Structures are given as structure tokens and as C-alpha cells.
Amino acid sequence: LVNMSEEEREEEQKKIGAVSALPKITQAGYASLDLIRYFTC
């Protein structure tokens, strides 16, 4: 998936019926360290 364009990645994920776990993994690692974020806009 990582070597595909965004459109190709979305199409492939629909085709196989599964999505990348990387976003979930990154969020879990961030939360495990008791990190939060605030925004300046």
C-alpha cells in the first residue's frame, strides 16, 4: 500500500475489504505515552 498513490491505495483497500492499520498504530503509540495535543489556528 505504501508505494501506491492515494487513489490506488483507496481502490485496493476497497477491493480486498481491509484498510491499512498504520493510522491506528500511530494513534495507539501516541496515546500510550499519555500524549495529547492542542492547536493554534
Full PDB file with SEQRES, HELIX, SHEET, SSBOND, CRYST1, ORIGX, SCALE, CONECT and MASTER records, all heavy atoms in Angstrom:
SEQRES   1 A   41  LEU VAL ASN MET SER GLU GLU GLU ARG GLU GLU GLU GLN          
SEQRES   2 A   41  LYS LYS ILE GLY ALA VAL SER ALA LEU PRO LYS ILE THR          
SEQRES   3 A   41  GLN ALA GLY TYR ALA SER LEU ASP LEU ILE ARG TYR PHE          
SEQRES   4 A   41  THR CYS                                                      
HELIX    1 AA1 GLU A    6  ILE A   16  1                                  11    
HELIX    2 AA2 LEU A   22  SER A   32  1                                  11    
CRYST1    1.000    1.000    1.000  90.00  90.00  90.00 P 1           1          
ORIGX1      1.000000  0.000000  0.000000        0.00000                         
ORIGX2      0.000000  1.000000  0.000000        0.00000                         
ORIGX3      0.000000  0.000000  1.000000        0.00000                         
SCALE1      1.000000  0.000000  0.000000        0.00000                         
SCALE2      0.000000  1.000000  0.000000        0.00000                         
SCALE3      0.000000  0.000000  1.000000        0.00000                         
ATOM      1  N   LEU A   1       0.806  -1.218   0.000  1.00  0.00           N  
ATOM      2  CA  LEU A   1       0.000   0.000   0.000  1.00  0.00           C  
ATOM      3  C   LEU A   1       0.841   1.271   0.000  1.00  0.00           C  
ATOM      4  O   LEU A   1       0.472   2.273  -0.619  1.00  0.00           O  
ATOM      5  CB  LEU A   1      -0.931   0.013   1.226  1.00  0.00           C  
ATOM      6  CG  LEU A   1      -2.034  -1.053   1.283  1.00  0.00           C  
ATOM      7  CD1 LEU A   1      -2.798  -0.947   2.601  1.00  0.00           C  
ATOM      8  CD2 LEU A   1      -2.995  -0.920   0.103  1.00  0.00           C  
ATOM      9  N   VAL A   2       1.986   1.229   0.689  1.00  0.00           N  
ATOM     10  CA  VAL A   2       2.756   2.457   0.881  1.00  0.00           C  
ATOM     11  C   VAL A   2       3.340   2.986  -0.429  1.00  0.00           C  
ATOM     12  O   VAL A   2       3.608   4.185  -0.567  1.00  0.00           O  
ATOM     13  CB  VAL A   2       3.872   2.245   1.941  1.00  0.00           C  
ATOM     14  CG1 VAL A   2       5.060   1.487   1.362  1.00  0.00           C  
ATOM     15  CG2 VAL A   2       4.324   3.575   2.525  1.00  0.00           C  
ATOM     16  N   ASN A   3       3.525   2.115  -1.404  1.00  0.00           N  
ATOM     17  CA  ASN A   3       4.100   2.543  -2.682  1.00  0.00           C  
ATOM     18  C   ASN A   3       3.037   2.951  -3.718  1.00  0.00           C  
ATOM     19  O   ASN A   3       3.365   3.246  -4.861  1.00  0.00           O  
ATOM     20  CB  ASN A   3       4.980   1.422  -3.260  1.00  0.00           C  
ATOM     21  CG  ASN A   3       6.212   1.195  -2.402  1.00  0.00           C  
ATOM     22  OD1 ASN A   3       6.867   2.147  -2.007  1.00  0.00           O  
ATOM     23  ND2 ASN A   3       6.512  -0.048  -2.089  1.00  0.00           N  
ATOM     24  N   MET A   4       1.773   2.945  -3.303  1.00  0.00           N  
ATOM     25  CA  MET A   4       0.689   3.320  -4.221  1.00  0.00           C  
ATOM     26  C   MET A   4       0.330   4.795  -4.062  1.00  0.00           C  
ATOM     27  O   MET A   4       0.589   5.404  -3.020  1.00  0.00           O  
ATOM     28  CB  MET A   4      -0.564   2.482  -3.920  1.00  0.00           C  
ATOM     29  CG  MET A   4      -0.403   0.996  -4.176  1.00  0.00           C  
ATOM     30  SD  MET A   4      -1.945   0.114  -3.749  1.00  0.00           S  
ATOM     31  CE  MET A   4      -1.456  -1.583  -4.087  1.00  0.00           C  
ATOM     32  N   SER A   5      -0.283   5.343  -5.082  1.00  0.00           N  
ATOM     33  CA  SER A   5      -0.842   6.693  -4.955  1.00  0.00           C  
ATOM     34  C   SER A   5      -2.058   6.610  -4.037  1.00  0.00           C  
ATOM     35  O   SER A   5      -2.567   5.518  -3.766  1.00  0.00           O  
ATOM     36  CB  SER A   5      -1.272   7.218  -6.326  1.00  0.00           C  
ATOM     37  OG  SER A   5      -2.404   6.478  -6.785  1.00  0.00           O  
ATOM     38  N   GLU A   6      -2.532   7.775  -3.585  1.00  0.00           N  
ATOM     39  CA  GLU A   6      -3.678   7.780  -2.673  1.00  0.00           C  
ATOM     40  C   GLU A   6      -4.902   7.122  -3.310  1.00  0.00           C  
ATOM     41  O   GLU A   6      -5.616   6.343  -2.670  1.00  0.00           O  
ATOM     42  CB  GLU A   6      -3.995   9.215  -2.264  1.00  0.00           C  
ATOM     43  CG  GLU A   6      -4.853   9.299  -1.009  1.00  0.00           C  
ATOM     44  CD  GLU A   6      -4.922  10.714  -0.451  1.00  0.00           C  
ATOM     45  OE1 GLU A   6      -3.982  11.494  -0.659  1.00  0.00           O  
ATOM     46  OE2 GLU A   6      -5.942  11.012   0.182  1.00  0.00           O  
ATOM     47  N   GLU A   7      -5.134   7.419  -4.606  1.00  0.00           N  
ATOM     48  CA  GLU A   7      -6.293   6.844  -5.305  1.00  0.00           C  
ATOM     49  C   GLU A   7      -6.149   5.318  -5.430  1.00  0.00           C  
ATOM     50  O   GLU A   7      -7.097   4.570  -5.177  1.00  0.00           O  
ATOM     51  CB  GLU A   7      -6.444   7.458  -6.706  1.00  0.00           C  
ATOM     52  CG  GLU A   7      -6.779   8.927  -6.732  1.00  0.00           C  
ATOM     53  CD  GLU A   7      -5.594   9.828  -6.384  1.00  0.00           C  
ATOM     54  OE1 GLU A   7      -4.436   9.359  -6.541  1.00  0.00           O  
ATOM     55  OE2 GLU A   7      -5.825  10.962  -5.948  1.00  0.00           O  
ATOM     56  N   GLU A   8      -4.944   4.879  -5.807  1.00  0.00           N  
ATOM     57  CA  GLU A   8      -4.695   3.432  -5.936  1.00  0.00           C  
ATOM     58  C   GLU A   8      -4.875   2.718  -4.597  1.00  0.00           C  
ATOM     59  O   GLU A   8      -5.435   1.631  -4.529  1.00  0.00           O  
ATOM     60  CB  GLU A   8      -3.272   3.185  -6.455  1.00  0.00           C  
ATOM     61  CG  GLU A   8      -3.058   3.560  -7.905  1.00  0.00           C  
ATOM     62  CD  GLU A   8      -1.596   3.481  -8.305  1.00  0.00           C  
ATOM     63  OE1 GLU A   8      -0.714   3.650  -7.426  1.00  0.00           O  
ATOM     64  OE2 GLU A   8      -1.333   3.264  -9.505  1.00  0.00           O  
ATOM     65  N   ARG A   9      -4.391   3.382  -3.528  1.00  0.00           N  
ATOM     66  CA  ARG A   9      -4.483   2.784  -2.194  1.00  0.00           C  
ATOM     67  C   ARG A   9      -5.946   2.618  -1.786  1.00  0.00           C  
ATOM     68  O   ARG A   9      -6.341   1.570  -1.268  1.00  0.00           O  
ATOM     69  CB  ARG A   9      -3.725   3.662  -1.188  1.00  0.00           C  
ATOM     70  CG  ARG A   9      -3.528   3.025   0.170  1.00  0.00           C  
ATOM     71  CD  ARG A   9      -2.377   3.651   0.947  1.00  0.00           C  
ATOM     72  NE  ARG A   9      -2.479   5.093   1.078  1.00  0.00           N  
ATOM     73  CZ  ARG A   9      -1.572   5.948   0.615  1.00  0.00           C  
ATOM     74  NH1 ARG A   9      -0.513   5.515  -0.030  1.00  0.00           N  
ATOM     75  NH2 ARG A   9      -1.729   7.246   0.788  1.00  0.00           N  
ATOM     76  N   GLU A  10      -6.751   3.649  -2.013  1.00  0.00           N  
ATOM     77  CA  GLU A  10      -8.179   3.573  -1.663  1.00  0.00           C  
ATOM     78  C   GLU A  10      -8.872   2.474  -2.460  1.00  0.00           C  
ATOM     79  O   GLU A  10      -9.687   1.717  -1.912  1.00  0.00           O  
ATOM     80  CB  GLU A  10      -8.852   4.921  -1.919  1.00  0.00           C  
ATOM     81  CG  GLU A  10      -8.549   5.954  -0.855  1.00  0.00           C  
ATOM     82  CD  GLU A  10      -9.224   7.289  -1.125  1.00  0.00           C  
ATOM     83  OE1 GLU A  10     -10.139   7.338  -1.980  1.00  0.00           O  
ATOM     84  OE2 GLU A  10      -8.827   8.285  -0.492  1.00  0.00           O  
ATOM     85  N   GLU A  11      -8.548   2.401  -3.734  1.00  0.00           N  
ATOM     86  CA  GLU A  11      -9.155   1.385  -4.605  1.00  0.00           C  
ATOM     87  C   GLU A  11      -8.776  -0.023  -4.148  1.00  0.00           C  
ATOM     88  O   GLU A  11      -9.621  -0.927  -4.079  1.00  0.00           O  
ATOM     89  CB  GLU A  11      -8.681   1.619  -6.046  1.00  0.00           C  
ATOM     90  CG  GLU A  11      -9.376   0.752  -7.087  1.00  0.00           C  
ATOM     91  CD  GLU A  11     -10.884   0.997  -7.144  1.00  0.00           C  
ATOM     92  OE1 GLU A  11     -11.330   2.146  -6.984  1.00  0.00           O  
ATOM     93  OE2 GLU A  11     -11.612  -0.008  -7.339  1.00  0.00           O  
ATOM     94  N   GLU A  12      -7.497  -0.220  -3.819  1.00  0.00           N  
ATOM     95  CA  GLU A  12      -7.017  -1.534  -3.381  1.00  0.00           C  
ATOM     96  C   GLU A  12      -7.662  -1.940  -2.056  1.00  0.00           C  
ATOM     97  O   GLU A  12      -8.048  -3.093  -1.860  1.00  0.00           O  
ATOM     98  CB  GLU A  12      -5.490  -1.509  -3.243  1.00  0.00           C  
ATOM     99  CG  GLU A  12      -4.853  -2.826  -2.813  1.00  0.00           C  
ATOM    100  CD  GLU A  12      -5.049  -3.956  -3.817  1.00  0.00           C  
ATOM    101  OE1 GLU A  12      -5.399  -3.684  -4.981  1.00  0.00           O  
ATOM    102  OE2 GLU A  12      -4.858  -5.121  -3.430  1.00  0.00           O  
ATOM    103  N   GLN A  13      -7.813  -0.996  -1.131  1.00  0.00           N  
ATOM    104  CA  GLN A  13      -8.407  -1.291   0.173  1.00  0.00           C  
ATOM    105  C   GLN A  13      -9.881  -1.680   0.021  1.00  0.00           C  
ATOM    106  O   GLN A  13     -10.362  -2.575   0.713  1.00  0.00           O  
ATOM    107  CB  GLN A  13      -8.242  -0.090   1.116  1.00  0.00           C  
ATOM    108  CG  GLN A  13      -6.792   0.084   1.571  1.00  0.00           C  
ATOM    109  CD  GLN A  13      -6.568   1.291   2.470  1.00  0.00           C  
ATOM    110  OE1 GLN A  13      -5.762   1.253   3.377  1.00  0.00           O  
ATOM    111  NE2 GLN A  13      -7.273   2.380   2.222  1.00  0.00           N  
ATOM    112  N   LYS A  14     -10.583  -1.014  -0.913  1.00  0.00           N  
ATOM    113  CA  LYS A  14     -11.981  -1.399  -1.187  1.00  0.00           C  
ATOM    114  C   LYS A  14     -12.038  -2.799  -1.773  1.00  0.00           C  
ATOM    115  O   LYS A  14     -12.895  -3.608  -1.413  1.00  0.00           O  
ATOM    116  CB  LYS A  14     -12.603  -0.407  -2.189  1.00  0.00           C  
ATOM    117  CG  LYS A  14     -13.121   0.868  -1.562  1.00  0.00           C  
ATOM    118  CD  LYS A  14     -13.752   1.752  -2.640  1.00  0.00           C  
ATOM    119  CE  LYS A  14     -13.971   3.157  -2.111  1.00  0.00           C  
ATOM    120  NZ  LYS A  14     -14.359   4.077  -3.191  1.00  0.00           N  
ATOM    121  N   LYS A  15     -11.120  -3.069  -2.669  1.00  0.00           N  
ATOM    122  CA  LYS A  15     -11.099  -4.359  -3.365  1.00  0.00           C  
ATOM    123  C   LYS A  15     -10.882  -5.528  -2.403  1.00  0.00           C  
ATOM    124  O   LYS A  15     -11.553  -6.549  -2.483  1.00  0.00           O  
ATOM    125  CB  LYS A  15      -9.982  -4.322  -4.416  1.00  0.00           C  
ATOM    126  CG  LYS A  15      -9.846  -5.576  -5.266  1.00  0.00           C  
ATOM    127  CD  LYS A  15      -8.722  -5.379  -6.276  1.00  0.00           C  
ATOM    128  CE  LYS A  15      -8.185  -6.707  -6.748  1.00  0.00           C  
ATOM    129  NZ  LYS A  15      -6.972  -6.528  -7.572  1.00  0.00           N  
ATOM    130  N   ILE A  16      -9.931  -5.378  -1.460  1.00  0.00           N  
ATOM    131  CA  ILE A  16      -9.617  -6.500  -0.543  1.00  0.00           C  
ATOM    132  C   ILE A  16     -10.491  -6.480   0.714  1.00  0.00           C  
ATOM    133  O   ILE A  16     -10.506  -7.443   1.482  1.00  0.00           O  
ATOM    134  CB  ILE A  16      -8.126  -6.506  -0.148  1.00  0.00           C  
ATOM    135  CG1 ILE A  16      -7.768  -5.239   0.637  1.00  0.00           C  
ATOM    136  CG2 ILE A  16      -7.233  -6.673  -1.371  1.00  0.00           C  
ATOM    137  CD1 ILE A  16      -6.342  -5.237   1.176  1.00  0.00           C  
ATOM    138  N   GLY A  17     -11.202  -5.379   0.953  1.00  0.00           N  
ATOM    139  CA  GLY A  17     -12.074  -5.305   2.126  1.00  0.00           C  
ATOM    140  C   GLY A  17     -11.323  -5.137   3.429  1.00  0.00           C  
ATOM    141  O   GLY A  17     -11.767  -5.586   4.487  1.00  0.00           O  
ATOM    142  N   ALA A  18     -10.161  -4.488   3.362  1.00  0.00           N  
ATOM    143  CA  ALA A  18      -9.372  -4.238   4.572  1.00  0.00           C  
ATOM    144  C   ALA A  18      -8.602  -2.939   4.379  1.00  0.00           C  
ATOM    145  O   ALA A  18      -8.268  -2.565   3.263  1.00  0.00           O  
ATOM    146  CB  ALA A  18      -8.399  -5.385   4.818  1.00  0.00           C  
ATOM    147  N   VAL A  19      -8.343  -2.238   5.497  1.00  0.00           N  
ATOM    148  CA  VAL A  19      -7.634  -0.963   5.409  1.00  0.00           C  
ATOM    149  C   VAL A  19      -6.295  -1.050   6.137  1.00  0.00           C  
ATOM    150  O   VAL A  19      -6.083  -1.932   6.977  1.00  0.00           O  
ATOM    151  CB  VAL A  19      -8.470   0.194   6.010  1.00  0.00           C  
ATOM    152  CG1 VAL A  19      -9.756   0.375   5.241  1.00  0.00           C  
ATOM    153  CG2 VAL A  19      -8.754  -0.052   7.490  1.00  0.00           C  
ATOM    154  N   SER A  20      -5.426  -0.123   5.816  1.00  0.00           N  
ATOM    155  CA  SER A  20      -4.128  -0.037   6.481  1.00  0.00           C  
ATOM    156  C   SER A  20      -4.324   0.148   7.988  1.00  0.00           C  
ATOM    157  O   SER A  20      -5.201   0.885   8.433  1.00  0.00           O  
ATOM    158  CB  SER A  20      -3.334   1.150   5.924  1.00  0.00           C  
ATOM    159  OG  SER A  20      -2.227   1.434   6.745  1.00  0.00           O  
ATOM    160  N   ALA A  21      -3.462  -0.514   8.762  1.00  0.00           N  
ATOM    161  CA  ALA A  21      -3.530  -0.387  10.227  1.00  0.00           C  
ATOM    162  C   ALA A  21      -2.603   0.709  10.739  1.00  0.00           C  
ATOM    163  O   ALA A  21      -2.565   0.983  11.938  1.00  0.00           O  
ATOM    164  CB  ALA A  21      -3.158  -1.720  10.881  1.00  0.00           C  
ATOM    165  N   LEU A  22      -1.848   1.355   9.838  1.00  0.00           N  
ATOM    166  CA  LEU A  22      -0.843   2.327  10.286  1.00  0.00           C  
ATOM    167  C   LEU A  22      -1.434   3.511  11.059  1.00  0.00           C  
ATOM    168  O   LEU A  22      -0.877   3.897  12.090  1.00  0.00           O  
ATOM    169  CB  LEU A  22      -0.016   2.830   9.098  1.00  0.00           C  
ATOM    170  CG  LEU A  22       0.837   1.780   8.376  1.00  0.00           C  
ATOM    171  CD1 LEU A  22       1.708   2.444   7.328  1.00  0.00           C  
ATOM    172  CD2 LEU A  22       1.692   0.984   9.347  1.00  0.00           C  
ATOM    173  N   PRO A  23      -2.557   4.117  10.607  1.00  0.00           N  
ATOM    174  CA  PRO A  23      -3.120   5.216  11.398  1.00  0.00           C  
ATOM    175  C   PRO A  23      -3.478   4.777  12.829  1.00  0.00           C  
ATOM    176  O   PRO A  23      -3.177   5.481  13.788  1.00  0.00           O  
ATOM    177  CB  PRO A  23      -4.372   5.617  10.605  1.00  0.00           C  
ATOM    178  CG  PRO A  23      -4.069   5.216   9.201  1.00  0.00           C  
ATOM    179  CD  PRO A  23      -3.271   3.950   9.323  1.00  0.00           C  
ATOM    180  N   LYS A  24      -4.105   3.618  12.944  1.00  0.00           N  
ATOM    181  CA  LYS A  24      -4.498   3.098  14.265  1.00  0.00           C  
ATOM    182  C   LYS A  24      -3.272   2.852  15.141  1.00  0.00           C  
ATOM    183  O   LYS A  24      -3.263   3.152  16.344  1.00  0.00           O  
ATOM    184  CB  LYS A  24      -5.292   1.795  14.078  1.00  0.00           C  
ATOM    185  CG  LYS A  24      -5.885   1.238  15.361  1.00  0.00           C  
ATOM    186  CD  LYS A  24      -6.707  -0.009  15.058  1.00  0.00           C  
ATOM    187  CE  LYS A  24      -7.339  -0.555  16.335  1.00  0.00           C  
ATOM    188  NZ  LYS A  24      -8.128  -1.779  16.059  1.00  0.00           N  
ATOM    189  N   ILE A  25      -2.217   2.296  14.541  1.00  0.00           N  
ATOM    190  CA  ILE A  25      -0.990   2.001  15.285  1.00  0.00           C  
ATOM    191  C   ILE A  25      -0.337   3.289  15.775  1.00  0.00           C  
ATOM    192  O   ILE A  25       0.079   3.396  16.935  1.00  0.00           O  
ATOM    193  CB  ILE A  25      -0.014   1.190  14.394  1.00  0.00           C  
ATOM    194  CG1 ILE A  25      -0.552  -0.232  14.191  1.00  0.00           C  
ATOM    195  CG2 ILE A  25       1.383   1.160  15.005  1.00  0.00           C  
ATOM    196  CD1 ILE A  25       0.196  -1.034  13.132  1.00  0.00           C  
ATOM    197  N   THR A  26      -0.262   4.291  14.899  1.00  0.00           N  
ATOM    198  CA  THR A  26       0.360   5.561  15.277  1.00  0.00           C  
ATOM    199  C   THR A  26      -0.415   6.228  16.406  1.00  0.00           C  
ATOM    200  O   THR A  26       0.163   6.722  17.381  1.00  0.00           O  
ATOM    201  CB  THR A  26       0.425   6.513  14.060  1.00  0.00           C  
ATOM    202  OG1 THR A  26       1.015   5.818  12.963  1.00  0.00           O  
ATOM    203  CG2 THR A  26       1.256   7.740  14.364  1.00  0.00           C  
ATOM    204  N   GLN A  27      -1.747   6.238  16.300  1.00  0.00           N  
ATOM    205  CA  GLN A  27      -2.578   6.841  17.348  1.00  0.00           C  
ATOM    206  C   GLN A  27      -2.423   6.095  18.675  1.00  0.00           C  
ATOM    207  O   GLN A  27      -2.366   6.710  19.740  1.00  0.00           O  
ATOM    208  CB  GLN A  27      -4.043   6.855  16.905  1.00  0.00           C  
ATOM    209  CG  GLN A  27      -4.317   7.874  15.805  1.00  0.00           C  
ATOM    210  CD  GLN A  27      -5.636   7.628  15.078  1.00  0.00           C  
ATOM    211  OE1 GLN A  27      -6.145   6.514  15.032  1.00  0.00           O  
ATOM    212  NE2 GLN A  27      -6.186   8.675  14.476  1.00  0.00           N  
ATOM    213  N   ALA A  28      -2.335   4.762  18.611  1.00  0.00           N  
ATOM    214  CA  ALA A  28      -2.191   3.953  19.832  1.00  0.00           C  
ATOM    215  C   ALA A  28      -0.848   4.229  20.510  1.00  0.00           C  
ATOM    216  O   ALA A  28      -0.774   4.338  21.740  1.00  0.00           O  
ATOM    217  CB  ALA A  28      -2.311   2.464  19.500  1.00  0.00           C  
ATOM    218  N   GLY A  29       0.214   4.356  19.711  1.00  0.00           N  
ATOM    219  CA  GLY A  29       1.527   4.649  20.289  1.00  0.00           C  
ATOM    220  C   GLY A  29       1.557   6.008  20.952  1.00  0.00           C  
ATOM    221  O   GLY A  29       2.092   6.177  22.054  1.00  0.00           O  
ATOM    222  N   TYR A  30       0.944   6.986  20.313  1.00  0.00           N  
ATOM    223  CA  TYR A  30       0.864   8.356  20.845  1.00  0.00           C  
ATOM    224  C   TYR A  30       0.104   8.351  22.177  1.00  0.00           C  
ATOM    225  O   TYR A  30       0.557   8.922  23.171  1.00  0.00           O  
ATOM    226  CB  TYR A  30       0.159   9.212  19.801  1.00  0.00           C  
ATOM    227  CG  TYR A  30       0.208  10.711  19.993  1.00  0.00           C  
ATOM    228  CD1 TYR A  30       1.297  11.461  19.545  1.00  0.00           C  
ATOM    229  CD2 TYR A  30      -0.860  11.391  20.570  1.00  0.00           C  
ATOM    230  CE1 TYR A  30       1.326  12.841  19.674  1.00  0.00           C  
ATOM    231  CE2 TYR A  30      -0.846  12.768  20.704  1.00  0.00           C  
ATOM    232  CZ  TYR A  30       0.253  13.491  20.252  1.00  0.00           C  
ATOM    233  OH  TYR A  30       0.271  14.865  20.387  1.00  0.00           O  
ATOM    234  N   ALA A  31      -1.042   7.665  22.202  1.00  0.00           N  
ATOM    235  CA  ALA A  31      -1.870   7.616  23.418  1.00  0.00           C  
ATOM    236  C   ALA A  31      -1.166   6.856  24.538  1.00  0.00           C  
ATOM    237  O   ALA A  31      -1.298   7.197  25.714  1.00  0.00           O  
ATOM    238  CB  ALA A  31      -3.214   6.961  23.107  1.00  0.00           C  
ATOM    239  N   SER A  32      -0.396   5.815  24.189  1.00  0.00           N  
ATOM    240  CA  SER A  32       0.268   5.000  25.221  1.00  0.00           C  
ATOM    241  C   SER A  32       1.287   5.817  26.012  1.00  0.00           C  
ATOM    242  O   SER A  32       1.604   5.500  27.152  1.00  0.00           O  
ATOM    243  CB  SER A  32       0.954   3.784  24.590  1.00  0.00           C  
ATOM    244  OG  SER A  32       2.161   4.145  23.933  1.00  0.00           O  
ATOM    245  N   LEU A  33       1.803   6.888  25.408  1.00  0.00           N  
ATOM    246  CA  LEU A  33       2.779   7.751  26.075  1.00  0.00           C  
ATOM    247  C   LEU A  33       2.110   8.877  26.864  1.00  0.00           C  
ATOM    248  O   LEU A  33       2.783   9.774  27.364  1.00  0.00           O  
ATOM    249  CB  LEU A  33       3.734   8.353  25.035  1.00  0.00           C  
ATOM    250  CG  LEU A  33       4.582   7.348  24.236  1.00  0.00           C  
ATOM    251  CD1 LEU A  33       5.362   8.062  23.141  1.00  0.00           C  
ATOM    252  CD2 LEU A  33       5.519   6.581  25.157  1.00  0.00           C  
ATOM    253  N   ASP A  34       0.765   8.824  26.974  1.00  0.00           N  
ATOM    254  CA  ASP A  34      -0.011   9.865  27.664  1.00  0.00           C  
ATOM    255  C   ASP A  34       0.186  11.227  27.009  1.00  0.00           C  
ATOM    256  O   ASP A  34       0.231  12.261  27.671  1.00  0.00           O  
ATOM    257  CB  ASP A  34       0.352   9.947  29.153  1.00  0.00           C  
ATOM    258  CG  ASP A  34      -0.223   8.796  29.955  1.00  0.00           C  
ATOM    259  OD1 ASP A  34      -1.442   8.575  29.873  1.00  0.00           O  
ATOM    260  OD2 ASP A  34       0.541   8.091  30.642  1.00  0.00           O  
ATOM    261  N   LEU A  35       0.308  11.218  25.674  1.00  0.00           N  
ATOM    262  CA  LEU A  35       0.445  12.473  24.940  1.00  0.00           C  
ATOM    263  C   LEU A  35      -0.923  12.949  24.447  1.00  0.00           C  
ATOM    264  O   LEU A  35      -1.768  12.139  24.067  1.00  0.00           O  
ATOM    265  CB  LEU A  35       1.376  12.285  23.736  1.00  0.00           C  
ATOM    266  CG  LEU A  35       2.822  11.912  24.059  1.00  0.00           C  
ATOM    267  CD1 LEU A  35       3.596  11.622  22.787  1.00  0.00           C  
ATOM    268  CD2 LEU A  35       3.509  13.015  24.865  1.00  0.00           C  
ATOM    269  N   ILE A  36      -1.128  14.258  24.486  1.00  0.00           N  
ATOM    270  CA  ILE A  36      -2.325  14.872  23.918  1.00  0.00           C  
ATOM    271  C   ILE A  36      -1.852  16.036  23.054  1.00  0.00           C  
ATOM    272  O   ILE A  36      -0.660  16.340  23.007  1.00  0.00           O  
ATOM    273  CB  ILE A  36      -3.321  15.356  24.997  1.00  0.00           C  
ATOM    274  CG1 ILE A  36      -2.665  16.409  25.910  1.00  0.00           C  
ATOM    275  CG2 ILE A  36      -3.841  14.186  25.811  1.00  0.00           C  
ATOM    276  CD1 ILE A  36      -3.637  17.085  26.874  1.00  0.00           C  
ATOM    277  N   ARG A  37      -2.763  16.721  22.359  1.00  0.00           N  
ATOM    278  CA  ARG A  37      -2.354  17.871  21.572  1.00  0.00           C  
ATOM    279  C   ARG A  37      -3.366  19.007  21.676  1.00  0.00           C  
ATOM    280  O   ARG A  37      -4.555  18.777  21.855  1.00  0.00           O  
ATOM    281  CB  ARG A  37      -2.126  17.509  20.118  1.00  0.00           C  
ATOM    282  CG  ARG A  37      -3.234  16.709  19.452  1.00  0.00           C  
ATOM    283  CD  ARG A  37      -2.578  15.678  18.537  1.00  0.00           C  
ATOM    284  NE  ARG A  37      -3.483  14.803  17.836  1.00  0.00           N  
ATOM    285  CZ  ARG A  37      -3.804  13.575  18.254  1.00  0.00           C  
ATOM    286  NH1 ARG A  37      -3.373  13.124  19.411  1.00  0.00           N  
ATOM    287  NH2 ARG A  37      -4.569  12.806  17.525  1.00  0.00           N  
ATOM    288  N   TYR A  38      -2.812  20.200  21.581  1.00  0.00           N  
ATOM    289  CA  TYR A  38      -3.678  21.382  21.448  1.00  0.00           C  
ATOM    290  C   TYR A  38      -3.314  22.056  20.137  1.00  0.00           C  
ATOM    291  O   TYR A  38      -2.286  21.747  19.516  1.00  0.00           O  
ATOM    292  CB  TYR A  38      -3.540  22.320  22.651  1.00  0.00           C  
ATOM    293  CG  TYR A  38      -2.287  23.167  22.708  1.00  0.00           C  
ATOM    294  CD1 TYR A  38      -2.245  24.426  22.101  1.00  0.00           C  
ATOM    295  CD2 TYR A  38      -1.155  22.733  23.398  1.00  0.00           C  
ATOM    296  CE1 TYR A  38      -1.097  25.211  22.164  1.00  0.00           C  
ATOM    297  CE2 TYR A  38      -0.018  23.507  23.467  1.00  0.00           C  
ATOM    298  CZ  TYR A  38       0.017  24.753  22.853  1.00  0.00           C  
ATOM    299  OH  TYR A  38       1.147  25.528  22.905  1.00  0.00           O  
ATOM    300  N   PHE A  39      -4.169  22.964  19.687  1.00  0.00           N  
ATOM    301  CA  PHE A  39      -3.993  23.563  18.368  1.00  0.00           C  
ATOM    302  C   PHE A  39      -3.820  25.077  18.455  1.00  0.00           C  
ATOM    303  O   PHE A  39      -4.407  25.729  19.326  1.00  0.00           O  
ATOM    304  CB  PHE A  39      -5.205  23.269  17.474  1.00  0.00           C  
ATOM    305  CG  PHE A  39      -5.518  21.803  17.323  1.00  0.00           C  
ATOM    306  CD1 PHE A  39      -6.559  21.210  18.031  1.00  0.00           C  
ATOM    307  CD2 PHE A  39      -4.756  21.001  16.474  1.00  0.00           C  
ATOM    308  CE1 PHE A  39      -6.846  19.858  17.898  1.00  0.00           C  
ATOM    309  CE2 PHE A  39      -5.027  19.648  16.332  1.00  0.00           C  
ATOM    310  CZ  PHE A  39      -6.080  19.069  17.048  1.00  0.00           C  
ATOM    311  N   THR A  40      -3.012  25.617  17.550  1.00  0.00           N  
ATOM    312  CA  THR A  40      -3.026  27.060  17.287  1.00  0.00           C  
ATOM    313  C   THR A  40      -3.467  27.216  15.835  1.00  0.00           C  
ATOM    314  O   THR A  40      -3.022  26.463  14.959  1.00  0.00           O  
ATOM    315  CB  THR A  40      -1.634  27.698  17.506  1.00  0.00           C  
ATOM    316  OG1 THR A  40      -0.649  26.961  16.776  1.00  0.00           O  
ATOM    317  CG2 THR A  40      -1.272  27.701  18.975  1.00  0.00           C  
ATOM    318  N   CYS A  41      -4.359  28.164  15.590  1.00  0.00           N  
ATOM    319  CA  CYS A  41      -5.007  28.249  14.273  1.00  0.00           C  
ATOM    320  C   CYS A  41      -4.999  29.672  13.726  1.00  0.00           C  
ATOM    321  O   CYS A  41      -5.152  30.636  14.483  1.00  0.00           O  
ATOM    322  CB  CYS A  41      -6.459  27.783  14.374  1.00  0.00           C  
ATOM    323  SG  CYS A  41      -6.645  26.100  14.986  1.00  0.00           S  
TER     324      CYS A  41                                                      
MASTER        0    0    0    2    0    0    0    6  323    1    0    4          
END                                                                             
